[in-house]
PDB file of all heavy atoms in Angstrom:
ATOM      1  N   ILE A   1     112.216  73.674 -64.672  1.00  0.00           N
ATOM      2  CA  ILE A   1     113.658  74.245 -64.654  1.00  0.00           C
ATOM      3  C   ILE A   1     114.578  73.029 -64.420  1.00  0.00           C
ATOM      4  O   ILE A   1     115.630  72.952 -65.089  1.00  0.00           O
ATOM      5  CB  ILE A   1     113.814  75.162 -63.524  1.00  0.00           C
ATOM      6  CG1 ILE A   1     113.058  76.499 -63.788  1.00  0.00           C
ATOM      7  CG2 ILE A   1     115.189  75.432 -63.230  1.00  0.00           C
ATOM      8  CD1 ILE A   1     113.577  77.157 -64.913  1.00  0.00           C
ATOM      9  N   SER A   2     114.224  71.944 -63.712  1.00  0.00           N
ATOM     10  CA  SER A   2     115.133  70.920 -63.507  1.00  0.00           C
ATOM     11  C   SER A   2     115.375  70.162 -64.798  1.00  0.00           C
ATOM     12  O   SER A   2     116.480  69.527 -64.923  1.00  0.00           O
ATOM     13  CB  SER A   2     114.591  69.900 -62.383  1.00  0.00           C
ATOM     14  OG  SER A   2     113.464  69.257 -62.905  1.00  0.00           O
ATOM     15  N   GLY A   3     114.417  70.202 -65.678  1.00  0.00           N
ATOM     16  CA  GLY A   3     114.595  69.521 -66.997  1.00  0.00           C
ATOM     17  C   GLY A   3     115.375  70.290 -67.998  1.00  0.00           C
ATOM     18  O   GLY A   3     115.751  69.833 -69.016  1.00  0.00           O
ATOM     19  N   LEU A   4     115.702  71.552 -67.662  1.00  0.00           N
ATOM     20  CA  LEU A   4     116.491  72.427 -68.565  1.00  0.00           C
ATOM     21  C   LEU A   4     118.027  72.427 -68.445  1.00  0.00           C
ATOM     22  O   LEU A   4     118.624  73.047 -69.198  1.00  0.00           O
ATOM     23  CB  LEU A   4     116.026  73.819 -68.460  1.00  0.00           C
ATOM     24  CG  LEU A   4     114.520  74.181 -68.728  1.00  0.00           C
ATOM     25  CD1 LEU A   4     114.137  75.697 -68.546  1.00  0.00           C
ATOM     26  CD2 LEU A   4     114.263  73.823 -70.234  1.00  0.00           C
ATOM     27  N   GLN A   5     118.459  71.661 -67.404  1.00  0.00           N
ATOM     28  CA  GLN A   5     119.869  71.541 -67.238  1.00  0.00           C
ATOM     29  C   GLN A   5     120.565  70.815 -68.400  1.00  0.00           C
ATOM     30  O   GLN A   5     119.873  69.977 -69.071  1.00  0.00           O
ATOM     31  CB  GLN A   5     120.202  70.895 -65.966  1.00  0.00           C
ATOM     32  CG  GLN A   5     119.742  71.692 -64.782  1.00  0.00           C
ATOM     33  CD  GLN A   5     120.218  71.173 -63.412  1.00  0.00           C
ATOM     34  OE1 GLN A   5     121.341  70.718 -63.346  1.00  0.00           O
ATOM     35  NE2 GLN A   5     119.343  71.213 -62.482  1.00  0.00           N
ATOM     36  N   ILE A   6     121.786  71.193 -68.697  1.00  0.00           N
ATOM     37  CA  ILE A   6     122.500  70.640 -69.859  1.00  0.00           C
ATOM     38  C   ILE A   6     123.551  69.623 -69.296  1.00  0.00           C
ATOM     39  O   ILE A   6     124.335  70.070 -68.403  1.00  0.00           O
ATOM     40  CB  ILE A   6     123.220  71.752 -70.681  1.00  0.00           C
ATOM     41  CG1 ILE A   6     122.193  72.793 -71.245  1.00  0.00           C
ATOM     42  CG2 ILE A   6     124.028  71.222 -71.755  1.00  0.00           C
ATOM     43  CD1 ILE A   6     122.699  74.009 -71.815  1.00  0.00           C
ATOM     44  N   PRO A   7     123.616  68.507 -69.920  1.00  0.00           N
ATOM     45  CA  PRO A   7     124.691  67.533 -69.507  1.00  0.00           C
ATOM     46  C   PRO A   7     125.991  68.182 -69.916  1.00  0.00           C
ATOM     47  O   PRO A   7     126.130  68.731 -71.050  1.00  0.00           O
ATOM     48  CB  PRO A   7     124.419  66.279 -70.243  1.00  0.00           C
ATOM     49  CG  PRO A   7     123.163  66.517 -71.119  1.00  0.00           C
ATOM     50  CD  PRO A   7     122.659  67.941 -70.856  1.00  0.00           C
ATOM     51  N   ALA A   8     126.970  68.026 -69.125  1.00  0.00           N
ATOM     52  CA  ALA A   8     128.271  68.655 -69.459  1.00  0.00           C
ATOM     53  C   ALA A   8     129.150  67.500 -70.198  1.00  0.00           C
ATOM     54  O   ALA A   8     129.828  66.769 -69.648  1.00  0.00           O
ATOM     55  CB  ALA A   8     129.024  69.052 -68.130  1.00  0.00           C
ATOM     56  N   SER A   9     129.016  67.502 -71.602  1.00  0.00           N
ATOM     57  CA  SER A   9     129.625  66.602 -72.382  1.00  0.00           C
ATOM     58  C   SER A   9     130.712  67.088 -73.249  1.00  0.00           C
ATOM     59  O   SER A   9     131.463  66.520 -73.809  1.00  0.00           O
ATOM     60  CB  SER A   9     128.608  65.765 -73.234  1.00  0.00           C
ATOM     61  OG  SER A   9     127.978  66.660 -73.994  1.00  0.00           O
ATOM     62  N   VAL A  10     130.741  68.492 -73.449  1.00  0.00           N
ATOM     63  CA  VAL A  10     131.660  69.136 -74.304  1.00  0.00           C
ATOM     64  C   VAL A  10     132.727  69.945 -73.380  1.00  0.00           C
ATOM     65  O   VAL A  10     132.341  71.031 -72.780  1.00  0.00           O
ATOM     66  CB  VAL A  10     131.003  70.116 -75.274  1.00  0.00           C
ATOM     67  CG1 VAL A  10     132.008  70.719 -76.209  1.00  0.00           C
ATOM     68  CG2 VAL A  10     129.916  69.335 -76.078  1.00  0.00           C
ATOM     69  N   PRO A  11     133.968  69.503 -73.235  1.00  0.00           N
ATOM     70  CA  PRO A  11     134.865  70.027 -72.227  1.00  0.00           C
ATOM     71  C   PRO A  11     135.135  71.569 -72.525  1.00  0.00           C
ATOM     72  O   PRO A  11     135.330  72.352 -71.488  1.00  0.00           O
ATOM     73  CB  PRO A  11     136.140  69.260 -72.385  1.00  0.00           C
ATOM     74  CG  PRO A  11     135.874  68.273 -73.407  1.00  0.00           C
ATOM     75  CD  PRO A  11     134.542  68.390 -73.966  1.00  0.00           C
ATOM     76  N   TRP A  12     135.160  72.082 -73.652  1.00  0.00           N
ATOM     77  CA  TRP A  12     135.517  73.495 -74.006  1.00  0.00           C
ATOM     78  C   TRP A  12     134.459  74.376 -73.511  1.00  0.00           C
ATOM     79  O   TRP A  12     134.566  75.580 -73.504  1.00  0.00           O
ATOM     80  CB  TRP A  12     136.069  73.674 -75.334  1.00  0.00           C
ATOM     81  CG  TRP A  12     135.246  73.263 -76.479  1.00  0.00           C
ATOM     82  CD1 TRP A  12     134.196  73.872 -77.000  1.00  0.00           C
ATOM     83  CD2 TRP A  12     135.311  71.949 -77.152  1.00  0.00           C
ATOM     84  NE1 TRP A  12     133.686  73.162 -78.025  1.00  0.00           N
ATOM     85  CE2 TRP A  12     134.339  71.988 -78.148  1.00  0.00           C
ATOM     86  CE3 TRP A  12     136.190  70.870 -76.955  1.00  0.00           C
ATOM     87  CZ2 TRP A  12     134.115  70.938 -78.991  1.00  0.00           C
ATOM     88  CZ3 TRP A  12     135.906  69.825 -77.776  1.00  0.00           C
ATOM     89  CH2 TRP A  12     134.896  69.794 -78.781  1.00  0.00           C
ATOM     90  N   PHE A  13     133.203  73.887 -73.296  1.00  0.00           N
ATOM     91  CA  PHE A  13     132.078  74.640 -72.939  1.00  0.00           C
ATOM     92  C   PHE A  13     131.736  74.409 -71.471  1.00  0.00           C
ATOM     93  O   PHE A  13     130.654  74.933 -70.966  1.00  0.00           O
ATOM     94  CB  PHE A  13     130.722  74.457 -73.788  1.00  0.00           C
ATOM     95  CG  PHE A  13     130.877  74.999 -75.166  1.00  0.00           C
ATOM     96  CD1 PHE A  13     130.941  74.061 -76.204  1.00  0.00           C
ATOM     97  CD2 PHE A  13     131.006  76.254 -75.336  1.00  0.00           C
ATOM     98  CE1 PHE A  13     131.001  74.568 -77.552  1.00  0.00           C
ATOM     99  CE2 PHE A  13     131.143  76.812 -76.734  1.00  0.00           C
ATOM    100  CZ  PHE A  13     131.091  75.936 -77.668  1.00  0.00           C
ATOM    101  N   GLN A  14     132.619  73.715 -70.783  1.00  0.00           N
ATOM    102  CA  GLN A  14     132.338  73.200 -69.384  1.00  0.00           C
ATOM    103  C   GLN A  14     131.940  74.400 -68.488  1.00  0.00           C
ATOM    104  O   GLN A  14     131.018  74.229 -67.713  1.00  0.00           O
ATOM    105  CB  GLN A  14     133.449  72.460 -68.943  1.00  0.00           C
ATOM    106  CG  GLN A  14     133.150  71.765 -67.616  1.00  0.00           C
ATOM    107  CD  GLN A  14     132.192  70.670 -67.667  1.00  0.00           C
ATOM    108  OE1 GLN A  14     132.223  69.875 -68.626  1.00  0.00           O
ATOM    109  NE2 GLN A  14     131.339  70.492 -66.785  1.00  0.00           N
ATOM    110  N   ASP A  15     132.691  75.474 -68.507  1.00  0.00           N
ATOM    111  CA  ASP A  15     132.566  76.583 -67.587  1.00  0.00           C
ATOM    112  C   ASP A  15     131.152  77.196 -67.765  1.00  0.00           C
ATOM    113  O   ASP A  15     130.410  77.505 -66.824  1.00  0.00           O
ATOM    114  CB  ASP A  15     133.562  77.617 -67.636  1.00  0.00           C
ATOM    115  CG  ASP A  15     135.011  77.117 -67.107  1.00  0.00           C
ATOM    116  OD1 ASP A  15     134.889  76.191 -66.334  1.00  0.00           O
ATOM    117  OD2 ASP A  15     135.978  77.691 -67.492  1.00  0.00           O
ATOM    118  N   ALA A  16     130.763  77.409 -69.103  1.00  0.00           N
ATOM    119  CA  ALA A  16     129.519  77.998 -69.290  1.00  0.00           C
ATOM    120  C   ALA A  16     128.331  77.112 -69.039  1.00  0.00           C
ATOM    121  O   ALA A  16     127.356  77.506 -68.346  1.00  0.00           O
ATOM    122  CB  ALA A  16     129.434  78.407 -70.843  1.00  0.00           C
ATOM    123  N   VAL A  17     128.565  75.775 -69.285  1.00  0.00           N
ATOM    124  CA  VAL A  17     127.510  74.845 -68.890  1.00  0.00           C
ATOM    125  C   VAL A  17     127.392  74.752 -67.447  1.00  0.00           C
ATOM    126  O   VAL A  17     126.143  74.783 -66.946  1.00  0.00           O
ATOM    127  CB  VAL A  17     127.767  73.444 -69.552  1.00  0.00           C
ATOM    128  CG1 VAL A  17     126.827  72.402 -68.983  1.00  0.00           C
ATOM    129  CG2 VAL A  17     127.691  73.546 -71.043  1.00  0.00           C
ATOM    130  N   ASN A  18     128.460  74.713 -66.690  1.00  0.00           N
ATOM    131  CA  ASN A  18     128.393  74.714 -65.210  1.00  0.00           C
ATOM    132  C   ASN A  18     127.607  76.012 -64.661  1.00  0.00           C
ATOM    133  O   ASN A  18     126.804  75.775 -63.687  1.00  0.00           O
ATOM    134  CB  ASN A  18     129.788  74.495 -64.563  1.00  0.00           C
ATOM    135  CG  ASN A  18     130.287  73.164 -64.783  1.00  0.00           C
ATOM    136  OD1 ASN A  18     129.562  72.206 -65.065  1.00  0.00           O
ATOM    137  ND2 ASN A  18     131.659  72.986 -64.611  1.00  0.00           N
ATOM    138  N   ALA A  19     127.976  77.133 -65.156  1.00  0.00           N
ATOM    139  CA  ALA A  19     127.268  78.285 -64.604  1.00  0.00           C
ATOM    140  C   ALA A  19     125.794  78.266 -64.989  1.00  0.00           C
ATOM    141  O   ALA A  19     125.029  78.675 -64.070  1.00  0.00           O
ATOM    142  CB  ALA A  19     128.022  79.556 -65.351  1.00  0.00           C
ATOM    143  N   TYR A  20     125.457  77.809 -66.181  1.00  0.00           N
ATOM    144  CA  TYR A  20     124.074  77.744 -66.618  1.00  0.00           C
ATOM    145  C   TYR A  20     123.335  76.782 -65.667  1.00  0.00           C
ATOM    146  O   TYR A  20     122.180  77.044 -65.199  1.00  0.00           O
ATOM    147  CB  TYR A  20     123.958  77.287 -68.022  1.00  0.00           C
ATOM    148  CG  TYR A  20     122.522  76.923 -68.398  1.00  0.00           C
ATOM    149  CD1 TYR A  20     121.580  78.018 -68.802  1.00  0.00           C
ATOM    150  CD2 TYR A  20     122.070  75.648 -68.505  1.00  0.00           C
ATOM    151  CE1 TYR A  20     120.348  77.718 -69.187  1.00  0.00           C
ATOM    152  CE2 TYR A  20     120.787  75.358 -68.970  1.00  0.00           C
ATOM    153  CZ  TYR A  20     119.945  76.402 -69.164  1.00  0.00           C
ATOM    154  OH  TYR A  20     118.625  76.092 -69.555  1.00  0.00           O
ATOM    155  N   ASN A  21     123.959  75.592 -65.439  1.00  0.00           N
ATOM    156  CA  ASN A  21     123.310  74.631 -64.565  1.00  0.00           C
ATOM    157  C   ASN A  21     123.179  75.154 -63.061  1.00  0.00           C
ATOM    158  O   ASN A  21     122.165  74.776 -62.483  1.00  0.00           O
ATOM    159  CB  ASN A  21     124.094  73.290 -64.643  1.00  0.00           C
ATOM    160  CG  ASN A  21     123.744  72.565 -65.995  1.00  0.00           C
ATOM    161  OD1 ASN A  21     122.852  72.783 -66.664  1.00  0.00           O
ATOM    162  ND2 ASN A  21     124.722  71.609 -66.226  1.00  0.00           N
ATOM    163  N   GLN A  22     124.148  75.914 -62.694  1.00  0.00           N
ATOM    164  CA  GLN A  22     124.056  76.411 -61.292  1.00  0.00           C
ATOM    165  C   GLN A  22     122.839  77.398 -61.189  1.00  0.00           C
ATOM    166  O   GLN A  22     122.085  77.457 -60.167  1.00  0.00           O
ATOM    167  CB  GLN A  22     125.351  77.167 -60.890  1.00  0.00           C
ATOM    168  CG  GLN A  22     126.433  76.180 -60.607  1.00  0.00           C
ATOM    169  CD  GLN A  22     127.627  76.841 -60.300  1.00  0.00           C
ATOM    170  OE1 GLN A  22     127.941  78.094 -60.610  1.00  0.00           O
ATOM    171  NE2 GLN A  22     128.760  76.053 -59.857  1.00  0.00           N
ATOM    172  N   VAL A  23     122.604  78.202 -62.199  1.00  0.00           N
ATOM    173  CA  VAL A  23     121.399  79.072 -62.253  1.00  0.00           C
ATOM    174  C   VAL A  23     120.227  78.300 -62.247  1.00  0.00           C
ATOM    175  O   VAL A  23     119.164  78.665 -61.562  1.00  0.00           O
ATOM    176  CB  VAL A  23     121.555  80.064 -63.480  1.00  0.00           C
ATOM    177  CG1 VAL A  23     120.287  80.830 -63.639  1.00  0.00           C
ATOM    178  CG2 VAL A  23     122.719  81.064 -63.325  1.00  0.00           C
ATOM    179  N   CYS A  24     120.122  77.288 -63.049  1.00  0.00           N
ATOM    180  CA  CYS A  24     118.952  76.426 -63.106  1.00  0.00           C
ATOM    181  C   CYS A  24     118.630  75.729 -61.800  1.00  0.00           C
ATOM    182  O   CYS A  24     117.612  75.765 -61.264  1.00  0.00           O
ATOM    183  CB  CYS A  24     119.110  75.264 -64.137  1.00  0.00           C
ATOM    184  SG  CYS A  24     119.036  75.854 -65.824  1.00  0.00           S
ATOM    185  N   GLN A  25     119.669  75.287 -61.063  1.00  0.00           N
ATOM    186  CA  GLN A  25     119.489  74.657 -59.734  1.00  0.00           C
ATOM    187  C   GLN A  25     119.039  75.724 -58.747  1.00  0.00           C
ATOM    188  O   GLN A  25     118.073  75.421 -57.883  1.00  0.00           O
ATOM    189  CB  GLN A  25     120.814  73.970 -59.307  1.00  0.00           C
ATOM    190  CG  GLN A  25     121.235  72.787 -60.081  1.00  0.00           C
ATOM    191  CD  GLN A  25     122.631  72.359 -59.722  1.00  0.00           C
ATOM    192  OE1 GLN A  25     123.314  72.951 -59.009  1.00  0.00           O
ATOM    193  NE2 GLN A  25     123.053  71.364 -60.396  1.00  0.00           N
ATOM    194  N   LEU A  26     119.581  76.930 -58.847  1.00  0.00           N
ATOM    195  CA  LEU A  26     119.207  77.968 -57.899  1.00  0.00           C
ATOM    196  C   LEU A  26     117.728  78.321 -58.133  1.00  0.00           C
ATOM    197  O   LEU A  26     116.908  78.383 -57.126  1.00  0.00           O
ATOM    198  CB  LEU A  26     120.044  79.225 -57.919  1.00  0.00           C
ATOM    199  CG  LEU A  26     119.670  80.390 -57.078  1.00  0.00           C
ATOM    200  CD1 LEU A  26     119.789  80.118 -55.628  1.00  0.00           C
ATOM    201  CD2 LEU A  26     120.561  81.591 -57.467  1.00  0.00           C
ATOM    202  N   TYR A  27     117.350  78.509 -59.387  1.00  0.00           N
ATOM    203  CA  TYR A  27     115.928  78.978 -59.646  1.00  0.00           C
ATOM    204  C   TYR A  27     114.938  77.722 -59.335  1.00  0.00           C
ATOM    205  O   TYR A  27     113.895  78.060 -58.782  1.00  0.00           O
ATOM    206  CB  TYR A  27     115.897  79.298 -61.169  1.00  0.00           C
ATOM    207  CG  TYR A  27     114.610  80.017 -61.482  1.00  0.00           C
ATOM    208  CD1 TYR A  27     114.515  81.379 -61.161  1.00  0.00           C
ATOM    209  CD2 TYR A  27     113.493  79.364 -61.906  1.00  0.00           C
ATOM    210  CE1 TYR A  27     113.292  82.062 -61.425  1.00  0.00           C
ATOM    211  CE2 TYR A  27     112.249  80.085 -62.170  1.00  0.00           C
ATOM    212  CZ  TYR A  27     112.240  81.432 -61.926  1.00  0.00           C
ATOM    213  OH  TYR A  27     111.064  82.073 -62.156  1.00  0.00           O
ATOM    214  N   GLU A  28     115.397  76.556 -59.519  1.00  0.00           N
ATOM    215  CA  GLU A  28     114.606  75.390 -59.100  1.00  0.00           C
ATOM    216  C   GLU A  28     114.421  75.520 -57.557  1.00  0.00           C
ATOM    217  O   GLU A  28     113.221  75.294 -57.114  1.00  0.00           O
ATOM    218  CB  GLU A  28     115.178  74.150 -59.520  1.00  0.00           C
ATOM    219  CG  GLU A  28     114.362  72.850 -59.217  1.00  0.00           C
ATOM    220  CD  GLU A  28     115.154  71.510 -59.506  1.00  0.00           C
ATOM    221  OE1 GLU A  28     116.391  71.593 -59.962  1.00  0.00           O
ATOM    222  OE2 GLU A  28     114.528  70.518 -59.373  1.00  0.00           O
ATOM    223  N   LYS A  29     115.449  75.698 -56.845  1.00  0.00           N
ATOM    224  CA  LYS A  29     115.367  75.721 -55.437  1.00  0.00           C
ATOM    225  C   LYS A  29     114.399  76.901 -54.962  1.00  0.00           C
ATOM    226  O   LYS A  29     113.616  76.720 -54.107  1.00  0.00           O
ATOM    227  CB  LYS A  29     116.748  75.815 -54.812  1.00  0.00           C
ATOM    228  CG  LYS A  29     116.673  75.967 -53.348  1.00  0.00           C
ATOM    229  CD  LYS A  29     118.097  76.260 -52.742  1.00  0.00           C
ATOM    230  CE  LYS A  29     118.120  76.581 -51.287  1.00  0.00           C
ATOM    231  NZ  LYS A  29     119.344  77.053 -50.821  1.00  0.00           N
ATOM    232  N   LEU A  30     114.653  78.090 -55.552  1.00  0.00           N
ATOM    233  CA  LEU A  30     113.828  79.226 -55.043  1.00  0.00           C
ATOM    234  C   LEU A  30     112.352  79.111 -55.424  1.00  0.00           C
ATOM    235  O   LEU A  30     111.506  79.519 -54.695  1.00  0.00           O
ATOM    236  CB  LEU A  30     114.444  80.554 -55.612  1.00  0.00           C
ATOM    237  CG  LEU A  30     115.880  80.889 -55.229  1.00  0.00           C
ATOM    238  CD1 LEU A  30     116.319  82.067 -55.849  1.00  0.00           C
ATOM    239  CD2 LEU A  30     115.741  81.124 -53.726  1.00  0.00           C
ATOM    240  N   SER A  31     112.073  78.595 -56.681  1.00  0.00           N
ATOM    241  CA  SER A  31     110.776  78.382 -57.069  1.00  0.00           C
ATOM    242  C   SER A  31     109.988  77.406 -56.235  1.00  0.00           C
ATOM    243  O   SER A  31     108.820  77.507 -55.861  1.00  0.00           O
ATOM    244  CB  SER A  31     110.649  78.240 -58.552  1.00  0.00           C
ATOM    245  OG  SER A  31     111.178  77.035 -58.850  1.00  0.00           O
ATOM    246  N   GLY A  32     110.701  76.331 -55.763  1.00  0.00           N
ATOM    247  CA  GLY A  32     110.298  75.288 -54.857  1.00  0.00           C
ATOM    248  C   GLY A  32     109.883  75.901 -53.520  1.00  0.00           C
ATOM    249  O   GLY A  32     108.840  75.657 -52.949  1.00  0.00           O
ATOM    250  N   GLN A  33     110.769  76.812 -53.056  1.00  0.00           N
ATOM    251  CA  GLN A  33     110.505  77.439 -51.793  1.00  0.00           C
ATOM    252  C   GLN A  33     109.248  78.413 -51.991  1.00  0.00           C
ATOM    253  O   GLN A  33     108.560  78.601 -50.959  1.00  0.00           O
ATOM    254  CB  GLN A  33     111.727  78.261 -51.285  1.00  0.00           C
ATOM    255  CG  GLN A  33     112.822  77.351 -50.915  1.00  0.00           C
ATOM    256  CD  GLN A  33     114.136  78.114 -50.614  1.00  0.00           C
ATOM    257  OE1 GLN A  33     114.260  79.274 -50.959  1.00  0.00           O
ATOM    258  NE2 GLN A  33     115.012  77.460 -49.980  1.00  0.00           N
ATOM    259  N   GLY A  34     109.226  79.098 -53.129  1.00  0.00           N
ATOM    260  CA  GLY A  34     108.082  79.895 -53.335  1.00  0.00           C
ATOM    261  C   GLY A  34     106.833  79.196 -53.229  1.00  0.00           C
ATOM    262  O   GLY A  34     105.804  79.726 -52.758  1.00  0.00           O
ATOM    263  N   PHE A  35     106.819  77.996 -53.915  1.00  0.00           N
ATOM    264  CA  PHE A  35     105.603  77.151 -53.914  1.00  0.00           C
ATOM    265  C   PHE A  35     105.226  76.829 -52.458  1.00  0.00           C
ATOM    266  O   PHE A  35     103.962  77.028 -52.143  1.00  0.00           O
ATOM    267  CB  PHE A  35     105.825  75.825 -54.560  1.00  0.00           C
ATOM    268  CG  PHE A  35     104.865  74.754 -54.334  1.00  0.00           C
ATOM    269  CD1 PHE A  35     103.565  74.825 -54.894  1.00  0.00           C
ATOM    270  CD2 PHE A  35     105.079  73.791 -53.380  1.00  0.00           C
ATOM    271  CE1 PHE A  35     102.623  73.897 -54.572  1.00  0.00           C
ATOM    272  CE2 PHE A  35     104.141  72.867 -53.102  1.00  0.00           C
ATOM    273  CZ  PHE A  35     102.917  72.815 -53.655  1.00  0.00           C
ATOM    274  N   GLN A  36     106.109  76.496 -51.580  1.00  0.00           N
ATOM    275  CA  GLN A  36     105.879  76.148 -50.203  1.00  0.00           C
ATOM    276  C   GLN A  36     105.254  77.356 -49.448  1.00  0.00           C
ATOM    277  O   GLN A  36     104.291  77.194 -48.676  1.00  0.00           O
ATOM    278  CB  GLN A  36     107.079  75.580 -49.483  1.00  0.00           C
ATOM    279  CG  GLN A  36     107.507  74.331 -50.049  1.00  0.00           C
ATOM    280  CD  GLN A  36     108.801  73.896 -49.410  1.00  0.00           C
ATOM    281  OE1 GLN A  36     109.615  74.658 -48.815  1.00  0.00           O
ATOM    282  NE2 GLN A  36     109.179  72.667 -49.652  1.00  0.00           N
ATOM    283  N   GLN A  37     105.869  78.578 -49.577  1.00  0.00           N
ATOM    284  CA  GLN A  37     105.419  79.758 -48.928  1.00  0.00           C
ATOM    285  C   GLN A  37     103.949  80.204 -49.503  1.00  0.00           C
ATOM    286  O   GLN A  37     103.152  80.621 -48.612  1.00  0.00           O
ATOM    287  CB  GLN A  37     106.424  80.846 -49.084  1.00  0.00           C
ATOM    288  CG  GLN A  37     107.778  80.553 -48.480  1.00  0.00           C
ATOM    289  CD  GLN A  37     107.698  80.454 -46.945  1.00  0.00           C
ATOM    290  OE1 GLN A  37     106.844  81.224 -46.273  1.00  0.00           O
ATOM    291  NE2 GLN A  37     108.252  79.454 -46.451  1.00  0.00           N
TER     292      GLN A  37
END
């Protein structure tokens, strides 16, 4: 998941890219916690 984030290089898609990257970060965090548990 950490490798699926998109670099924010196109300003008019910035909001969509930021939202997508936030979902990726959250899923990465939760799956990491799942691994530990």
